[in-house]
Amino acid sequence: LLDLLALRHEPALIMTCALSGIAS
């Protein structure tokens, strides 16, 4: 999904996140 959305947006505008540091 992120790779598809990267066709529309610059990678700098894509962020992933999670609650814990290890999950992030």
PDB file of all heavy atoms in Angstrom:
ATOM      1  N   LEU A   1       0.833  -1.215   0.000  1.00  0.00           N
ATOM      2  CA  LEU A   1       0.000   0.000   0.000  1.00  0.00           C
ATOM      3  C   LEU A   1       0.865   1.262   0.000  1.00  0.00           C
ATOM      4  O   LEU A   1       0.599   2.211  -0.739  1.00  0.00           O
ATOM      5  CB  LEU A   1      -0.920   0.000   1.226  1.00  0.00           C
ATOM      6  CG  LEU A   1      -2.078  -1.004   1.226  1.00  0.00           C
ATOM      7  CD1 LEU A   1      -2.748  -1.040   2.595  1.00  0.00           C
ATOM      8  CD2 LEU A   1      -3.100  -0.643   0.158  1.00  0.00           C
ATOM      9  N   LEU A   2       1.905   1.253   0.844  1.00  0.00           N
ATOM     10  CA  LEU A   2       2.790   2.423   0.910  1.00  0.00           C
ATOM     11  C   LEU A   2       3.537   2.621  -0.409  1.00  0.00           C
ATOM     12  O   LEU A   2       3.716   3.762  -0.862  1.00  0.00           O
ATOM     13  CB  LEU A   2       3.783   2.258   2.056  1.00  0.00           C
ATOM     14  CG  LEU A   2       3.189   2.308   3.476  1.00  0.00           C
ATOM     15  CD1 LEU A   2       4.252   2.002   4.512  1.00  0.00           C
ATOM     16  CD2 LEU A   2       2.538   3.654   3.760  1.00  0.00           C
ATOM     17  N   ASP A   3       3.965   1.519  -1.033  1.00  0.00           N
ATOM     18  CA  ASP A   3       4.664   1.618  -2.329  1.00  0.00           C
ATOM     19  C   ASP A   3       3.747   2.216  -3.396  1.00  0.00           C
ATOM     20  O   ASP A   3       4.188   3.010  -4.236  1.00  0.00           O
ATOM     21  CB  ASP A   3       5.164   0.243  -2.770  1.00  0.00           C
ATOM     22  CG  ASP A   3       6.359  -0.238  -1.949  1.00  0.00           C
ATOM     23  OD1 ASP A   3       6.966   0.592  -1.246  1.00  0.00           O
ATOM     24  OD2 ASP A   3       6.670  -1.443  -2.005  1.00  0.00           O
ATOM     25  N   LEU A   4       2.466   1.846  -3.373  1.00  0.00           N
ATOM     26  CA  LEU A   4       1.505   2.420  -4.327  1.00  0.00           C
ATOM     27  C   LEU A   4       1.310   3.916  -4.058  1.00  0.00           C
ATOM     28  O   LEU A   4       1.293   4.728  -4.987  1.00  0.00           O
ATOM     29  CB  LEU A   4       0.159   1.698  -4.218  1.00  0.00           C
ATOM     30  CG  LEU A   4       0.084   0.314  -4.870  1.00  0.00           C
ATOM     31  CD1 LEU A   4      -1.202  -0.392  -4.467  1.00  0.00           C
ATOM     32  CD2 LEU A   4       0.166   0.431  -6.393  1.00  0.00           C
ATOM     33  N   LEU A   5       1.183   4.269  -2.785  1.00  0.00           N
ATOM     34  CA  LEU A   5       0.990   5.679  -2.441  1.00  0.00           C
ATOM     35  C   LEU A   5       2.245   6.511  -2.709  1.00  0.00           C
ATOM     36  O   LEU A   5       2.159   7.722  -2.924  1.00  0.00           O
ATOM     37  CB  LEU A   5       0.579   5.793  -0.966  1.00  0.00           C
ATOM     38  CG  LEU A   5      -0.858   5.312  -0.685  1.00  0.00           C
ATOM     39  CD1 LEU A   5      -1.068   5.041   0.787  1.00  0.00           C
ATOM     40  CD2 LEU A   5      -1.874   6.333  -1.197  1.00  0.00           C
ATOM     41  N   ALA A   6       3.409   5.855  -2.727  1.00  0.00           N
ATOM     42  CA  ALA A   6       4.660   6.556  -3.031  1.00  0.00           C
ATOM     43  C   ALA A   6       4.727   6.983  -4.493  1.00  0.00           C
ATOM     44  O   ALA A   6       5.549   7.837  -4.853  1.00  0.00           O
ATOM     45  CB  ALA A   6       5.855   5.659  -2.697  1.00  0.00           C
ATOM     46  N   LEU A   7       3.863   6.412  -5.337  1.00  0.00           N
ATOM     47  CA  LEU A   7       3.777   6.873  -6.726  1.00  0.00           C
ATOM     48  C   LEU A   7       3.103   8.239  -6.802  1.00  0.00           C
ATOM     49  O   LEU A   7       3.267   8.973  -7.764  1.00  0.00           O
ATOM     50  CB  LEU A   7       2.981   5.864  -7.569  1.00  0.00           C
ATOM     51  CG  LEU A   7       3.548   4.439  -7.639  1.00  0.00           C
ATOM     52  CD1 LEU A   7       2.587   3.524  -8.392  1.00  0.00           C
ATOM     53  CD2 LEU A   7       4.924   4.445  -8.315  1.00  0.00           C
ATOM     54  N   ARG A   8       2.353   8.566  -5.775  1.00  0.00           N
ATOM     55  CA  ARG A   8       1.612   9.832  -5.731  1.00  0.00           C
ATOM     56  C   ARG A   8       2.309  10.883  -4.864  1.00  0.00           C
ATOM     57  O   ARG A   8       2.191  12.088  -5.100  1.00  0.00           O
ATOM     58  CB  ARG A   8       0.205   9.573  -5.190  1.00  0.00           C
ATOM     59  CG  ARG A   8      -0.718  10.778  -5.191  1.00  0.00           C
ATOM     60  CD  ARG A   8      -2.040  10.463  -4.529  1.00  0.00           C
ATOM     61  NE  ARG A   8      -2.730   9.358  -5.182  1.00  0.00           N
ATOM     62  CZ  ARG A   8      -3.810   8.757  -4.683  1.00  0.00           C
ATOM     63  NH1 ARG A   8      -4.285   9.149  -3.509  1.00  0.00           N
ATOM     64  NH2 ARG A   8      -4.390   7.783  -5.329  1.00  0.00           N
ATOM     65  N   HIS A   9       3.017  10.422  -3.822  1.00  0.00           N
ATOM     66  CA  HIS A   9       3.626  11.347  -2.860  1.00  0.00           C
ATOM     67  C   HIS A   9       5.121  11.081  -2.710  1.00  0.00           C
ATOM     68  O   HIS A   9       5.572   9.944  -2.838  1.00  0.00           O
ATOM     69  CB  HIS A   9       2.963  11.208  -1.481  1.00  0.00           C
ATOM     70  CG  HIS A   9       1.480  11.402  -1.487  1.00  0.00           C
ATOM     71  ND1 HIS A   9       0.905  12.648  -1.627  1.00  0.00           N
ATOM     72  CD2 HIS A   9       0.457  10.512  -1.379  1.00  0.00           C
ATOM     73  CE1 HIS A   9      -0.419  12.517  -1.595  1.00  0.00           C
ATOM     74  NE2 HIS A   9      -0.710  11.235  -1.446  1.00  0.00           N
ATOM     75  N   GLU A  10       5.864  12.119  -2.394  1.00  0.00           N
ATOM     76  CA  GLU A  10       7.287  11.971  -2.089  1.00  0.00           C
ATOM     77  C   GLU A  10       7.458  11.130  -0.820  1.00  0.00           C
ATOM     78  O   GLU A  10       6.634  11.241   0.100  1.00  0.00           O
ATOM     79  CB  GLU A  10       7.927  13.351  -1.864  1.00  0.00           C
ATOM     80  CG  GLU A  10       7.984  14.224  -3.094  1.00  0.00           C
ATOM     81  CD  GLU A  10       8.951  13.670  -4.134  1.00  0.00           C
ATOM     82  OE1 GLU A  10      10.012  13.139  -3.740  1.00  0.00           O
ATOM     83  OE2 GLU A  10       8.625  13.753  -5.331  1.00  0.00           O
ATOM     84  N   PRO A  11       8.515  10.304  -0.752  1.00  0.00           N
ATOM     85  CA  PRO A  11       8.740   9.498   0.465  1.00  0.00           C
ATOM     86  C   PRO A  11       8.796  10.332   1.741  1.00  0.00           C
ATOM     87  O   PRO A  11       8.397   9.863   2.797  1.00  0.00           O
ATOM     88  CB  PRO A  11      10.086   8.825   0.182  1.00  0.00           C
ATOM     89  CG  PRO A  11      10.157   8.734  -1.312  1.00  0.00           C
ATOM     90  CD  PRO A  11       9.474   9.962  -1.814  1.00  0.00           C
ATOM     91  N   ALA A  12       9.275  11.579   1.640  1.00  0.00           N
ATOM     92  CA  ALA A  12       9.355  12.440   2.821  1.00  0.00           C
ATOM     93  C   ALA A  12       7.977  12.782   3.381  1.00  0.00           C
ATOM     94  O   ALA A  12       7.853  13.190   4.543  1.00  0.00           O
ATOM     95  CB  ALA A  12      10.095  13.726   2.481  1.00  0.00           C
ATOM     96  N   LEU A  13       6.935  12.630   2.543  1.00  0.00           N
ATOM     97  CA  LEU A  13       5.573  12.933   2.982  1.00  0.00           C
ATOM     98  C   LEU A  13       4.839  11.696   3.489  1.00  0.00           C
ATOM     99  O   LEU A  13       3.643  11.753   3.789  1.00  0.00           O
ATOM    100  CB  LEU A  13       4.782  13.565   1.836  1.00  0.00           C
ATOM    101  CG  LEU A  13       5.318  14.911   1.326  1.00  0.00           C
ATOM    102  CD1 LEU A  13       4.504  15.397   0.135  1.00  0.00           C
ATOM    103  CD2 LEU A  13       5.316  15.956   2.440  1.00  0.00           C
ATOM    104  N   ILE A  14       5.568  10.560   3.570  1.00  0.00           N
ATOM    105  CA  ILE A  14       4.993   9.298   4.056  1.00  0.00           C
ATOM    106  C   ILE A  14       5.630   8.964   5.399  1.00  0.00           C
ATOM    107  O   ILE A  14       6.845   8.893   5.530  1.00  0.00           O
ATOM    108  CB  ILE A  14       5.243   8.150   3.055  1.00  0.00           C
ATOM    109  CG1 ILE A  14       4.580   8.463   1.704  1.00  0.00           C
ATOM    110  CG2 ILE A  14       4.732   6.825   3.616  1.00  0.00           C
ATOM    111  CD1 ILE A  14       4.874   7.453   0.618  1.00  0.00           C
ATOM    112  N   MET A  15       4.805   8.759   6.417  1.00  0.00           N
ATOM    113  CA  MET A  15       5.304   8.455   7.755  1.00  0.00           C
ATOM    114  C   MET A  15       4.590   7.211   8.301  1.00  0.00           C
ATOM    115  O   MET A  15       3.376   7.048   8.122  1.00  0.00           O
ATOM    116  CB  MET A  15       5.055   9.638   8.701  1.00  0.00           C
ATOM    117  CG  MET A  15       5.381   9.370  10.164  1.00  0.00           C
ATOM    118  SD  MET A  15       7.109   8.904  10.488  1.00  0.00           S
ATOM    119  CE  MET A  15       7.925  10.500  10.295  1.00  0.00           C
ATOM    120  N   THR A  16       5.354   6.334   8.947  1.00  0.00           N
ATOM    121  CA  THR A  16       4.763   5.204   9.666  1.00  0.00           C
ATOM    122  C   THR A  16       5.028   5.422  11.148  1.00  0.00           C
ATOM    123  O   THR A  16       5.999   6.061  11.534  1.00  0.00           O
ATOM    124  CB  THR A  16       5.362   3.857   9.216  1.00  0.00           C
ATOM    125  OG1 THR A  16       6.722   3.771   9.649  1.00  0.00           O
ATOM    126  CG2 THR A  16       5.296   3.709   7.704  1.00  0.00           C
ATOM    127  N   CYS A  17       4.138   4.879  12.003  1.00  0.00           N
ATOM    128  CA  CYS A  17       4.327   5.077  13.439  1.00  0.00           C
ATOM    129  C   CYS A  17       3.691   3.935  14.224  1.00  0.00           C
ATOM    130  O   CYS A  17       2.847   3.192  13.709  1.00  0.00           O
ATOM    131  CB  CYS A  17       3.750   6.422  13.890  1.00  0.00           C
ATOM    132  SG  CYS A  17       1.965   6.565  13.701  1.00  0.00           S
ATOM    133  N   ALA A  18       4.105   3.808  15.471  1.00  0.00           N
ATOM    134  CA  ALA A  18       3.554   2.807  16.380  1.00  0.00           C
ATOM    135  C   ALA A  18       3.757   3.304  17.798  1.00  0.00           C
ATOM    136  O   ALA A  18       4.511   4.245  18.045  1.00  0.00           O
ATOM    137  CB  ALA A  18       4.234   1.456  16.172  1.00  0.00           C
ATOM    138  N   LEU A  19       3.084   2.657  18.742  1.00  0.00           N
ATOM    139  CA  LEU A  19       3.176   3.091  20.131  1.00  0.00           C
ATOM    140  C   LEU A  19       4.552   2.806  20.724  1.00  0.00           C
ATOM    141  O   LEU A  19       5.170   3.663  21.351  1.00  0.00           O
ATOM    142  CB  LEU A  19       2.097   2.399  20.967  1.00  0.00           C
ATOM    143  CG  LEU A  19       2.003   2.820  22.430  1.00  0.00           C
ATOM    144  CD1 LEU A  19       1.661   4.295  22.551  1.00  0.00           C
ATOM    145  CD2 LEU A  19       0.970   1.989  23.163  1.00  0.00           C
ATOM    146  N   SER A  20       5.065   1.593  20.519  1.00  0.00           N
ATOM    147  CA  SER A  20       6.345   1.218  21.126  1.00  0.00           C
ATOM    148  C   SER A  20       7.500   1.461  20.163  1.00  0.00           C
ATOM    149  O   SER A  20       7.338   1.449  18.943  1.00  0.00           O
ATOM    150  CB  SER A  20       6.334  -0.257  21.536  1.00  0.00           C
ATOM    151  OG  SER A  20       6.354  -1.097  20.396  1.00  0.00           O
ATOM    152  N   GLY A  21       8.677   1.660  20.741  1.00  0.00           N
ATOM    153  CA  GLY A  21       9.872   1.881  19.928  1.00  0.00           C
ATOM    154  C   GLY A  21      10.211   0.688  19.064  1.00  0.00           C
ATOM    155  O   GLY A  21      10.585   0.835  17.900  1.00  0.00           O
ATOM    156  N   ILE A  22      10.057  -0.537  19.603  1.00  0.00           N
ATOM    157  CA  ILE A  22      10.407  -1.731  18.828  1.00  0.00           C
ATOM    158  C   ILE A  22       9.443  -1.935  17.662  1.00  0.00           C
ATOM    159  O   ILE A  22       9.850  -2.330  16.569  1.00  0.00           O
ATOM    160  CB  ILE A  22      10.445  -2.989  19.740  1.00  0.00           C
ATOM    161  CG1 ILE A  22      11.024  -4.193  18.995  1.00  0.00           C
ATOM    162  CG2 ILE A  22       9.090  -3.318  20.310  1.00  0.00           C
ATOM    163  CD1 ILE A  22      12.477  -4.093  18.643  1.00  0.00           C
ATOM    164  N   ALA A  23       8.154  -1.634  17.868  1.00  0.00           N
ATOM    165  CA  ALA A  23       7.181  -1.753  16.780  1.00  0.00           C
ATOM    166  C   ALA A  23       7.470  -0.731  15.694  1.00  0.00           C
ATOM    167  O   ALA A  23       7.345  -1.021  14.493  1.00  0.00           O
ATOM    168  CB  ALA A  23       5.762  -1.583  17.314  1.00  0.00           C
ATOM    169  N   SER A  24       7.868   0.473  16.111  1.00  0.00           N
ATOM    170  CA  SER A  24       8.236   1.505  15.143  1.00  0.00           C
ATOM    171  C   SER A  24       9.465   1.094  14.343  1.00  0.00           C
ATOM    172  O   SER A  24       9.504   1.236  13.112  1.00  0.00           O
ATOM    173  CB  SER A  24       8.501   2.820  15.888  1.00  0.00           C
ATOM    174  OG  SER A  24       9.132   3.753  15.056  1.00  0.00           O
TER     175      SER A  24
END
